[in-house]
PDB file of N, CA and C in Angstrom:
ATOM      1  N   MET A   1     -30.915 -21.767 -26.199  1.00  0.00           N
ATOM      2  CA  MET A   1     -30.441 -23.033 -26.732  1.00  0.00           C
ATOM      3  C   MET A   1     -31.139 -24.197 -26.033  1.00  0.00           C
ATOM      4  N   ARG A   2     -31.350 -24.074 -24.730  1.00  0.00           N
ATOM      5  CA  ARG A   2     -32.025 -25.166 -24.011  1.00  0.00           C
ATOM      6  C   ARG A   2     -33.461 -25.302 -24.477  1.00  0.00           C
ATOM      7  N   ALA A   3     -34.114 -24.181 -24.798  1.00  0.00           N
ATOM      8  CA  ALA A   3     -35.503 -24.244 -25.237  1.00  0.00           C
ATOM      9  C   ALA A   3     -35.610 -24.973 -26.567  1.00  0.00           C
ATOM     10  N   GLU A   4     -34.634 -24.791 -27.426  1.00  0.00           N
ATOM     11  CA  GLU A   4     -34.656 -25.451 -28.726  1.00  0.00           C
ATOM     12  C   GLU A   4     -34.513 -26.966 -28.561  1.00  0.00           C
ATOM     13  N   GLY A   5     -33.783 -27.408 -27.570  1.00  0.00           N
ATOM     14  CA  GLY A   5     -33.578 -28.826 -27.337  1.00  0.00           C
ATOM     15  C   GLY A   5     -34.606 -29.466 -26.433  1.00  0.00           C
ATOM     16  N   ALA A   6     -35.609 -28.720 -25.995  1.00  0.00           N
ATOM     17  CA  ALA A   6     -36.629 -29.259 -25.087  1.00  0.00           C
ATOM     18  C   ALA A   6     -37.441 -30.336 -25.799  1.00  0.00           C
ATOM     19  N   THR A   7     -37.898 -31.297 -25.024  1.00  0.00           N
ATOM     20  CA  THR A   7     -38.628 -32.418 -25.596  1.00  0.00           C
ATOM     21  C   THR A   7     -40.070 -32.079 -25.942  1.00  0.00           C
ATOM     22  N   GLY A   8     -40.636 -31.058 -25.356  1.00  0.00           N
ATOM     23  CA  GLY A   8     -42.015 -30.690 -25.641  1.00  0.00           C
ATOM     24  C   GLY A   8     -42.237 -29.203 -25.479  1.00  0.00           C
ATOM     25  N   PRO A   9     -43.401 -28.728 -25.863  1.00  0.00           N
ATOM     26  CA  PRO A   9     -43.680 -27.294 -25.772  1.00  0.00           C
ATOM     27  C   PRO A   9     -43.666 -26.760 -24.342  1.00  0.00           C
ATOM     28  N   GLU A  10     -44.084 -27.586 -23.369  1.00  0.00           N
ATOM     29  CA  GLU A  10     -44.092 -27.117 -21.985  1.00  0.00           C
ATOM     30  C   GLU A  10     -42.674 -26.873 -21.486  1.00  0.00           C
ATOM     31  N   GLY A  11     -41.773 -27.807 -21.784  1.00  0.00           N
ATOM     32  CA  GLY A  11     -40.376 -27.639 -21.380  1.00  0.00           C
ATOM     33  C   GLY A  11     -39.729 -26.459 -22.088  1.00  0.00           C
ATOM     34  N   CYS A  12     -40.081 -26.282 -23.338  1.00  0.00           N
ATOM     35  CA  CYS A  12     -39.561 -25.160 -24.121  1.00  0.00           C
ATOM     36  C   CYS A  12     -40.000 -23.840 -23.494  1.00  0.00           C
ATOM     37  N   GLU A  13     -41.277 -23.726 -23.188  1.00  0.00           N
ATOM     38  CA  GLU A  13     -41.782 -22.491 -22.591  1.00  0.00           C
ATOM     39  C   GLU A  13     -41.157 -22.243 -21.220  1.00  0.00           C
ATOM     40  N   ARG A  14     -40.970 -23.290 -20.452  1.00  0.00           N
ATOM     41  CA  ARG A  14     -40.347 -23.148 -19.127  1.00  0.00           C
ATOM     42  C   ARG A  14     -38.915 -22.632 -19.273  1.00  0.00           C
ATOM     43  N   ASP A  15     -38.172 -23.178 -20.221  1.00  0.00           N
ATOM     44  CA  ASP A  15     -36.799 -22.736 -20.439  1.00  0.00           C
ATOM     45  C   ASP A  15     -36.743 -21.287 -20.926  1.00  0.00           C
ATOM     46  N   LEU A  16     -37.664 -20.924 -21.817  1.00  0.00           N
ATOM     47  CA  LEU A  16     -37.700 -19.538 -22.292  1.00  0.00           C
ATOM     48  C   LEU A  16     -38.098 -18.578 -21.169  1.00  0.00           C
ATOM     49  N   ARG A  17     -39.018 -18.994 -20.329  1.00  0.00           N
ATOM     50  CA  ARG A  17     -39.424 -18.166 -19.198  1.00  0.00           C
ATOM     51  C   ARG A  17     -38.245 -17.942 -18.254  1.00  0.00           C
ATOM     52  N   THR A  18     -37.478 -19.012 -18.025  1.00  0.00           N
ATOM     53  CA  THR A  18     -36.290 -18.912 -17.169  1.00  0.00           C
ATOM     54  C   THR A  18     -35.259 -17.969 -17.784  1.00  0.00           C
ATOM     55  N   ALA A  19     -35.053 -18.077 -19.082  1.00  0.00           N
ATOM     56  CA  ALA A  19     -34.094 -17.204 -19.777  1.00  0.00           C
ATOM     57  C   ALA A  19     -34.551 -15.748 -19.714  1.00  0.00           C
ATOM     58  N   ARG A  20     -35.849 -15.544 -19.856  1.00  0.00           N
ATOM     59  CA  ARG A  20     -36.389 -14.179 -19.799  1.00  0.00           C
ATOM     60  C   ARG A  20     -36.170 -13.570 -18.422  1.00  0.00           C
ATOM     61  N   ARG A  21     -36.451 -14.347 -17.370  1.00  0.00           N
ATOM     62  CA  ARG A  21     -36.225 -13.854 -16.004  1.00  0.00           C
ATOM     63  C   ARG A  21     -34.748 -13.549 -15.764  1.00  0.00           C
ATOM     64  N   ALA A  22     -33.877 -14.407 -16.257  1.00  0.00           N
ATOM     65  CA  ALA A  22     -32.442 -14.199 -16.068  1.00  0.00           C
ATOM     66  C   ALA A  22     -31.973 -12.930 -16.786  1.00  0.00           C
ATOM     67  N   ALA A  23     -32.490 -12.682 -17.984  1.00  0.00           N
ATOM     68  CA  ALA A  23     -32.116 -11.474 -18.729  1.00  0.00           C
ATOM     69  C   ALA A  23     -32.603 -10.219 -17.999  1.00  0.00           C
ATOM     70  N   LYS A  24     -33.820 -10.282 -17.468  1.00  0.00           N
ATOM     71  CA  LYS A  24     -34.350  -9.135 -16.713  1.00  0.00           C
ATOM     72  C   LYS A  24     -33.527  -8.890 -15.450  1.00  0.00           C
ATOM     73  N   ALA A  25     -33.133  -9.965 -14.779  1.00  0.00           N
ATOM     74  CA  ALA A  25     -32.336  -9.825 -13.559  1.00  0.00           C
ATOM     75  C   ALA A  25     -30.956  -9.258 -13.873  1.00  0.00           C
ATOM     76  N   LEU A  26     -30.359  -9.708 -14.962  1.00  0.00           N
ATOM     77  CA  LEU A  26     -29.053  -9.178 -15.367  1.00  0.00           C
ATOM     78  C   LEU A  26     -29.149  -7.701 -15.688  1.00  0.00           C
ATOM     79  N   ARG A  27     -30.211  -7.325 -16.385  1.00  0.00           N
ATOM     80  CA  ARG A  27     -30.397  -5.911 -16.720  1.00  0.00           C
ATOM     81  C   ARG A  27     -30.525  -5.063 -15.463  1.00  0.00           C
ATOM     82  N   ALA A  28     -31.290  -5.548 -14.485  1.00  0.00           N
ATOM     83  CA  ALA A  28     -31.455  -4.819 -13.232  1.00  0.00           C
ATOM     84  C   ALA A  28     -30.135  -4.740 -12.476  1.00  0.00           C
ATOM     85  N   ARG A  29     -29.365  -5.814 -12.487  1.00  0.00           N
ATOM     86  CA  ARG A  29     -28.081  -5.837 -11.780  1.00  0.00           C
ATOM     87  C   ARG A  29     -27.096  -4.847 -12.392  1.00  0.00           C
ATOM     88  N   VAL A  30     -27.009  -4.827 -13.711  1.00  0.00           N
ATOM     89  CA  VAL A  30     -26.101  -3.890 -14.388  1.00  0.00           C
ATOM     90  C   VAL A  30     -26.538  -2.449 -14.116  1.00  0.00           C
ATOM     91  N   ALA A  31     -27.853  -2.200 -14.151  1.00  0.00           N
ATOM     92  CA  ALA A  31     -28.349  -0.849 -13.878  1.00  0.00           C
ATOM     93  C   ALA A  31     -28.008  -0.434 -12.443  1.00  0.00           C
ATOM     94  N   SER A  32     -28.148  -1.360 -11.505  1.00  0.00           N
ATOM     95  CA  SER A  32     -27.824  -1.057 -10.117  1.00  0.00           C
ATOM     96  C   SER A  32     -26.336  -0.746  -9.944  1.00  0.00           C
ATOM     97  N   LEU A  33     -25.497  -1.552 -10.565  1.00  0.00           N
ATOM     98  CA  LEU A  33     -24.057  -1.310 -10.469  1.00  0.00           C
ATOM     99  C   LEU A  33     -23.670   0.012 -11.119  1.00  0.00           C
ATOM    100  N   ALA A  34     -24.324   0.339 -12.222  1.00  0.00           N
ATOM    101  CA  ALA A  34     -24.043   1.610 -12.891  1.00  0.00           C
ATOM    102  C   ALA A  34     -24.471   2.797 -12.034  1.00  0.00           C
ATOM    103  N   ARG A  35     -25.643   2.695 -11.401  1.00  0.00           N
ATOM    104  CA  ARG A  35     -26.115   3.773 -10.527  1.00  0.00           C
ATOM    105  C   ARG A  35     -25.172   4.006  -9.359  1.00  0.00           C
ATOM    106  N   ARG A  36     -24.631   2.917  -8.825  1.00  0.00           N
ATOM    107  CA  ARG A  36     -23.724   3.044  -7.665  1.00  0.00           C
ATOM    108  C   ARG A  36     -22.284   3.310  -8.100  1.00  0.00           C
ATOM    109  N   GLN A  37     -22.073   3.442  -9.399  1.00  0.00           N
ATOM    110  CA  GLN A  37     -20.759   3.734  -9.979  1.00  0.00           C
ATOM    111  C   GLN A  37     -19.717   2.689  -9.606  1.00  0.00           C
ATOM    112  N   CYS A  38     -20.155   1.419  -9.630  1.00  0.00           N
ATOM    113  CA  CYS A  38     -19.252   0.312  -9.341  1.00  0.00           C
ATOM    114  C   CYS A  38     -18.574  -0.208 -10.598  1.00  0.00           C
ATOM    115  N   LEU A  39     -19.031   0.237 -11.736  1.00  0.00           N
ATOM    116  CA  LEU A  39     -18.442  -0.165 -13.013  1.00  0.00           C
ATOM    117  C   LEU A  39     -17.719   1.026 -13.618  1.00  0.00           C
ATOM    118  N   ALA A  40     -16.600   0.760 -14.233  1.00  0.00           N
ATOM    119  CA  ALA A  40     -15.838   1.837 -14.864  1.00  0.00           C
ATOM    120  C   ALA A  40     -15.151   1.280 -16.089  1.00  0.00           C
ATOM    121  N   PRO A  41     -14.759   2.019 -16.990  1.00  0.00           N
ATOM    122  CA  PRO A  41     -15.071   3.418 -17.303  1.00  0.00           C
ATOM    123  C   PRO A  41     -16.467   3.568 -17.888  1.00  0.00           C
ATOM    124  N   ALA A  42     -16.874   4.804 -18.027  1.00  0.00           N
ATOM    125  CA  ALA A  42     -18.249   5.122 -18.416  1.00  0.00           C
ATOM    126  C   ALA A  42     -18.612   4.585 -19.799  1.00  0.00           C
ATOM    127  N   ASP A  43     -17.675   4.601 -20.729  1.00  0.00           N
ATOM    128  CA  ASP A  43     -18.005   4.108 -22.073  1.00  0.00           C
ATOM    129  C   ASP A  43     -18.269   2.604 -22.065  1.00  0.00           C
ATOM    130  N   ARG A  44     -17.549   1.864 -21.239  1.00  0.00           N
ATOM    131  CA  ARG A  44     -17.792   0.426 -21.110  1.00  0.00           C
ATOM    132  C   ARG A  44     -19.143   0.151 -20.457  1.00  0.00           C
ATOM    133  N   VAL A  45     -19.503   0.968 -19.488  1.00  0.00           N
ATOM    134  CA  VAL A  45     -20.794   0.830 -18.815  1.00  0.00           C
ATOM    135  C   VAL A  45     -21.920   1.055 -19.824  1.00  0.00           C
ATOM    136  N   ALA A  46     -21.776   2.049 -20.649  1.00  0.00           N
ATOM    137  CA  ALA A  46     -22.812   2.352 -21.647  1.00  0.00           C
ATOM    138  C   ALA A  46     -22.945   1.207 -22.643  1.00  0.00           C
ATOM    139  N   ARG A  47     -21.832   0.654 -23.099  1.00  0.00           N
ATOM    140  CA  ARG A  47     -21.886  -0.477 -24.043  1.00  0.00           C
ATOM    141  C   ARG A  47     -22.488  -1.708 -23.394  1.00  0.00           C
ATOM    142  N   LEU A  48     -22.094  -1.990 -22.158  1.00  0.00           N
ATOM    143  CA  LEU A  48     -22.633  -3.144 -21.437  1.00  0.00           C
ATOM    144  C   LEU A  48     -24.129  -2.985 -21.220  1.00  0.00           C
ATOM    145  N   ASP A  49     -24.554  -1.799 -20.822  1.00  0.00           N
ATOM    146  CA  ASP A  49     -25.968  -1.533 -20.603  1.00  0.00           C
ATOM    147  C   ASP A  49     -26.759  -1.724 -21.893  1.00  0.00           C
ATOM    148  N   ALA A  50     -26.233  -1.254 -23.001  1.00  0.00           N
ATOM    149  CA  ALA A  50     -26.908  -1.412 -24.299  1.00  0.00           C
ATOM    150  C   ALA A  50     -27.017  -2.885 -24.687  1.00  0.00           C
ATOM    151  N   GLU A  51     -25.959  -3.647 -24.471  1.00  0.00           N
ATOM    152  CA  GLU A  51     -25.981  -5.073 -24.810  1.00  0.00           C
ATOM    153  C   GLU A  51     -26.961  -5.852 -23.944  1.00  0.00           C
ATOM    154  N   VAL A  52     -26.997  -5.535 -22.665  1.00  0.00           N
ATOM    155  CA  VAL A  52     -27.908  -6.215 -21.754  1.00  0.00           C
ATOM    156  C   VAL A  52     -29.358  -5.855 -22.095  1.00  0.00           C
ATOM    157  N   ALA A  53     -29.613  -4.603 -22.438  1.00  0.00           N
ATOM    158  CA  ALA A  53     -30.963  -4.194 -22.844  1.00  0.00           C
ATOM    159  C   ALA A  53     -31.378  -4.932 -24.115  1.00  0.00           C
ATOM    160  N   GLU A  54     -30.473  -5.082 -25.058  1.00  0.00           N
ATOM    161  CA  GLU A  54     -30.756  -5.809 -26.301  1.00  0.00           C
ATOM    162  C   GLU A  54     -31.038  -7.289 -26.016  1.00  0.00           C
ATOM    163  N   LEU A  55     -30.277  -7.881 -25.115  1.00  0.00           N
ATOM    164  CA  LEU A  55     -30.516  -9.268 -24.725  1.00  0.00           C
ATOM    165  C   LEU A  55     -31.905  -9.437 -24.119  1.00  0.00           C
ATOM    166  N   ALA A  56     -32.270  -8.547 -23.228  1.00  0.00           N
ATOM    167  CA  ALA A  56     -33.592  -8.607 -22.602  1.00  0.00           C
ATOM    168  C   ALA A  56     -34.693  -8.420 -23.642  1.00  0.00           C
ATOM    169  N   ARG A  57     -34.494  -7.499 -24.575  1.00  0.00           N
ATOM    170  CA  ARG A  57     -35.485  -7.257 -25.614  1.00  0.00           C
ATOM    171  C   ARG A  57     -35.660  -8.484 -26.514  1.00  0.00           C
ATOM    172  N   ARG A  58     -34.549  -9.085 -26.915  1.00  0.00           N
ATOM    173  CA  ARG A  58     -34.619 -10.255 -27.788  1.00  0.00           C
ATOM    174  C   ARG A  58     -35.216 -11.468 -27.086  1.00  0.00           C
ATOM    175  N   THR A  59     -34.881 -11.635 -25.827  1.00  0.00           N
ATOM    176  CA  THR A  59     -35.443 -12.750 -25.065  1.00  0.00           C
ATOM    177  C   THR A  59     -36.945 -12.583 -24.921  1.00  0.00           C
ATOM    178  N   ARG A  60     -37.368 -11.371 -24.651  1.00  0.00           N
ATOM    179  CA  ARG A  60     -38.804 -11.088 -24.536  1.00  0.00           C
ATOM    180  C   ARG A  60     -39.511 -11.344 -25.864  1.00  0.00           C
ATOM    181  N   ALA A  61     -38.920 -10.893 -26.965  1.00  0.00           N
ATOM    182  CA  ALA A  61     -39.528 -11.091 -28.282  1.00  0.00           C
ATOM    183  C   ALA A  61     -39.625 -12.578 -28.627  1.00  0.00           C
ATOM    184  N   LEU A  62     -38.592 -13.340 -28.304  1.00  0.00           N
ATOM    185  CA  LEU A  62     -38.626 -14.774 -28.575  1.00  0.00           C
ATOM    186  C   LEU A  62     -39.710 -15.442 -27.746  1.00  0.00           C
ATOM    187  N   PHE A  63     -39.850 -15.048 -26.501  1.00  0.00           N
ATOM    188  CA  PHE A  63     -40.878 -15.619 -25.635  1.00  0.00           C
ATOM    189  C   PHE A  63     -42.272 -15.317 -26.186  1.00  0.00           C
ATOM    190  N   LYS A  64     -42.494 -14.081 -26.642  1.00  0.00           N
ATOM    191  CA  LYS A  64     -43.801 -13.691 -27.141  1.00  0.00           C
ATOM    192  C   LYS A  64     -44.081 -14.189 -28.557  1.00  0.00           C
ATOM    193  N   SER A  65     -43.075 -14.692 -29.258  1.00  0.00           N
ATOM    194  CA  SER A  65     -43.247 -15.106 -30.658  1.00  0.00           C
ATOM    195  C   SER A  65     -43.916 -16.463 -30.803  1.00  0.00           C
ATOM    196  N   ARG A  66     -44.203 -17.117 -29.699  1.00  0.00           N
ATOM    197  CA  ARG A  66     -44.806 -18.447 -29.728  1.00  0.00           C
ATOM    198  C   ARG A  66     -43.858 -19.445 -30.384  1.00  0.00           C
ATOM    199  N   PHE A  67     -42.568 -19.271 -30.171  1.00  0.00           N
ATOM    200  CA  PHE A  67     -41.526 -20.141 -30.702  1.00  0.00           C
ATOM    201  C   PHE A  67     -41.770 -21.598 -30.314  1.00  0.00           C
ATOM    202  N   CYS A  68     -42.181 -21.824 -29.108  1.00  0.00           N
ATOM    203  CA  CYS A  68     -42.372 -23.194 -28.606  1.00  0.00           C
ATOM    204  C   CYS A  68     -43.590 -23.868 -29.225  1.00  0.00           C
ATOM    205  N   ALA A  69     -44.596 -23.108 -29.591  1.00  0.00           N
ATOM    206  CA  ALA A  69     -45.797 -23.696 -30.173  1.00  0.00           C
ATOM    207  C   ALA A  69     -45.542 -24.208 -31.585  1.00  0.00           C
ATOM    208  N   ARG A  70     -44.523 -23.686 -32.258  1.00  0.00           N
ATOM    209  CA  ARG A  70     -44.217 -24.074 -33.627  1.00  0.00           C
ATOM    210  C   ARG A  70     -43.401 -25.353 -33.720  1.00  0.00           C
ATOM    211  N   LYS A  71     -42.916 -25.842 -32.617  1.00  0.00           N
ATOM    212  CA  LYS A  71     -42.041 -27.021 -32.634  1.00  0.00           C
ATOM    213  C   LYS A  71     -42.796 -28.271 -32.939  1.00  0.00           C
TER     214      LYS A  71
END
């Protein structure tokens, strides 16, 4: 959402890059917690992991789509 409201392509790309890093970090954090069995129950962990993976995938696709160049 912040990238869409950016005043220029540079700000847009910076915001998307930040979102991409945050999604990757969240995915790593959830994976770490799952490995250490800090999250329960298992079905919730699987759903959360799938959602976080989808978020990371979509953020990466948006970043690579040249969304900011089209503005």
